[in-house]
Protein backbone atom coordinates (compact mmCIF):
# COMPACT_ATOMS: atom_id res chain seq x y z
CA MET A 1 -18.50 26.01 -10.09
CA SER A 2 -19.43 28.03 -6.66
CA THR A 3 -17.74 26.98 -3.58
CA ALA A 4 -21.00 27.09 -2.25
CA THR A 5 -21.94 24.10 -4.43
CA LEU A 6 -18.89 22.21 -3.38
CA PRO A 7 -19.24 19.35 -0.92
CA ARG A 8 -17.62 20.13 2.85
CA ILE A 9 -14.44 17.93 3.08
CA ARG A 10 -14.28 16.55 7.24
CA LYS A 11 -11.40 15.00 8.43
CA ALA A 12 -11.39 11.54 10.05
CA SER A 13 -11.24 11.58 13.34
CA PHE A 14 -9.01 8.42 13.83
CA ARG A 15 -5.46 7.72 12.47
CA ILE A 16 -4.97 3.72 11.28
CA ASP A 17 -1.73 2.19 12.51
CA THR A 18 0.09 0.57 9.66
CA THR A 19 3.52 -0.51 11.67
CA LYS A 20 2.88 -4.15 11.55
CA SER A 21 2.35 -3.42 7.71
CA HIS A 22 5.38 -1.52 7.05
CA GLU A 23 7.67 -4.09 9.56
CA TRP A 24 6.24 -6.80 7.02
CA LEU A 25 7.36 -4.65 3.91
CA LYS A 26 10.71 -4.78 5.26
CA ALA A 27 11.02 -8.56 5.29
CA HIS A 28 9.34 -9.42 2.77
CA ARG A 29 9.47 -7.27 0.24
CA HIS A 30 12.34 -8.10 -1.64
CA GLU A 31 10.03 -11.56 -2.71
CA TYR A 32 7.20 -9.18 -4.45
CA ILE A 33 9.19 -6.94 -6.38
CA GLY A 34 7.45 -5.53 -9.56
CA LYS A 35 4.24 -7.09 -8.03
CA TRP A 36 1.08 -4.88 -5.74
CA VAL A 37 0.12 -6.25 -2.14
CA VAL A 38 -2.35 -6.15 -0.12
CA LEU A 39 -1.87 -6.51 3.77
CA ASP A 40 -4.15 -6.81 6.82
CA GLY A 41 -1.39 -5.42 9.34
CA ASP A 42 1.30 -8.37 9.09
CA ARG A 43 -1.05 -10.83 6.96
CA LEU A 44 -0.12 -10.78 3.10
CA VAL A 45 -3.62 -11.47 1.72
CA GLY A 46 -2.62 -11.89 -1.76
CA ALA A 47 0.07 -10.11 -4.16
CA GLY A 48 -0.24 -9.51 -7.87
CA ASP A 49 0.18 -7.57 -11.32
CA ASP A 50 -3.60 -5.54 -10.82
CA PRO A 51 -3.96 -4.71 -7.09
CA GLN A 52 -8.26 -4.44 -7.61
CA PRO A 53 -8.77 -8.15 -7.02
CA ILE A 54 -6.94 -8.41 -4.32
CA PHE A 55 -8.35 -5.95 -2.64
CA ALA A 56 -11.49 -6.80 -3.42
CA GLN A 57 -11.13 -10.33 -1.46
CA ALA A 58 -9.45 -8.08 1.47
CA ARG A 59 -12.97 -6.44 1.73
CA THR A 60 -14.48 -9.70 1.53
CA GLN A 61 -12.41 -11.38 4.17
CA GLY A 62 -13.75 -8.44 6.72
CA VAL A 63 -10.82 -6.69 6.28
CA LYS A 64 -11.68 -2.89 6.92
CA PHE A 65 -8.62 -1.13 6.00
CA PRO A 66 -6.50 -3.34 3.45
CA PHE A 67 -2.54 -1.79 2.97
CA VAL A 68 -2.54 -1.52 -0.56
CA THR A 69 1.01 -0.84 -1.92
CA PHE A 70 3.27 -1.22 -5.31
CA ILE A 71 6.84 -2.73 -5.04
CA GLN A 72 9.42 -1.30 -6.94
CA GLU A 73 12.86 -2.20 -7.07
CA ASP A 74 15.65 -0.22 -5.08
CA LEU A 75 18.22 1.30 -7.96
CA GLU A 76 21.08 2.31 -6.42
CA PRO A 77 21.71 5.79 -7.06
CA PHE A 78 24.06 7.17 -9.91
CA MET A 79 27.55 8.00 -9.18
CA GLY A 80 29.20 9.30 -11.83
CA GLY A 81 32.83 9.76 -11.97
CA TRP A 82 35.26 6.96 -12.10
CA LEU A 83 35.78 4.65 -8.91
């Protein structure tokens, strides 16, 4: 494929503030380990094993830019040797 046939990529002219979503995650992430969560700012839209239906729910509620993330368990780093 030549570069003449590729679509032109444009940069977004706006930034999305995810500060409230990250604050919510700090406070509540331990409640949703192993789950996908969908947020609208600091409001939980839903959580579950599959993010697609929750994302669709957020869109039907009028959320323009849902924040979607998977919550992983924080594992302690391995430290070899004797303590």
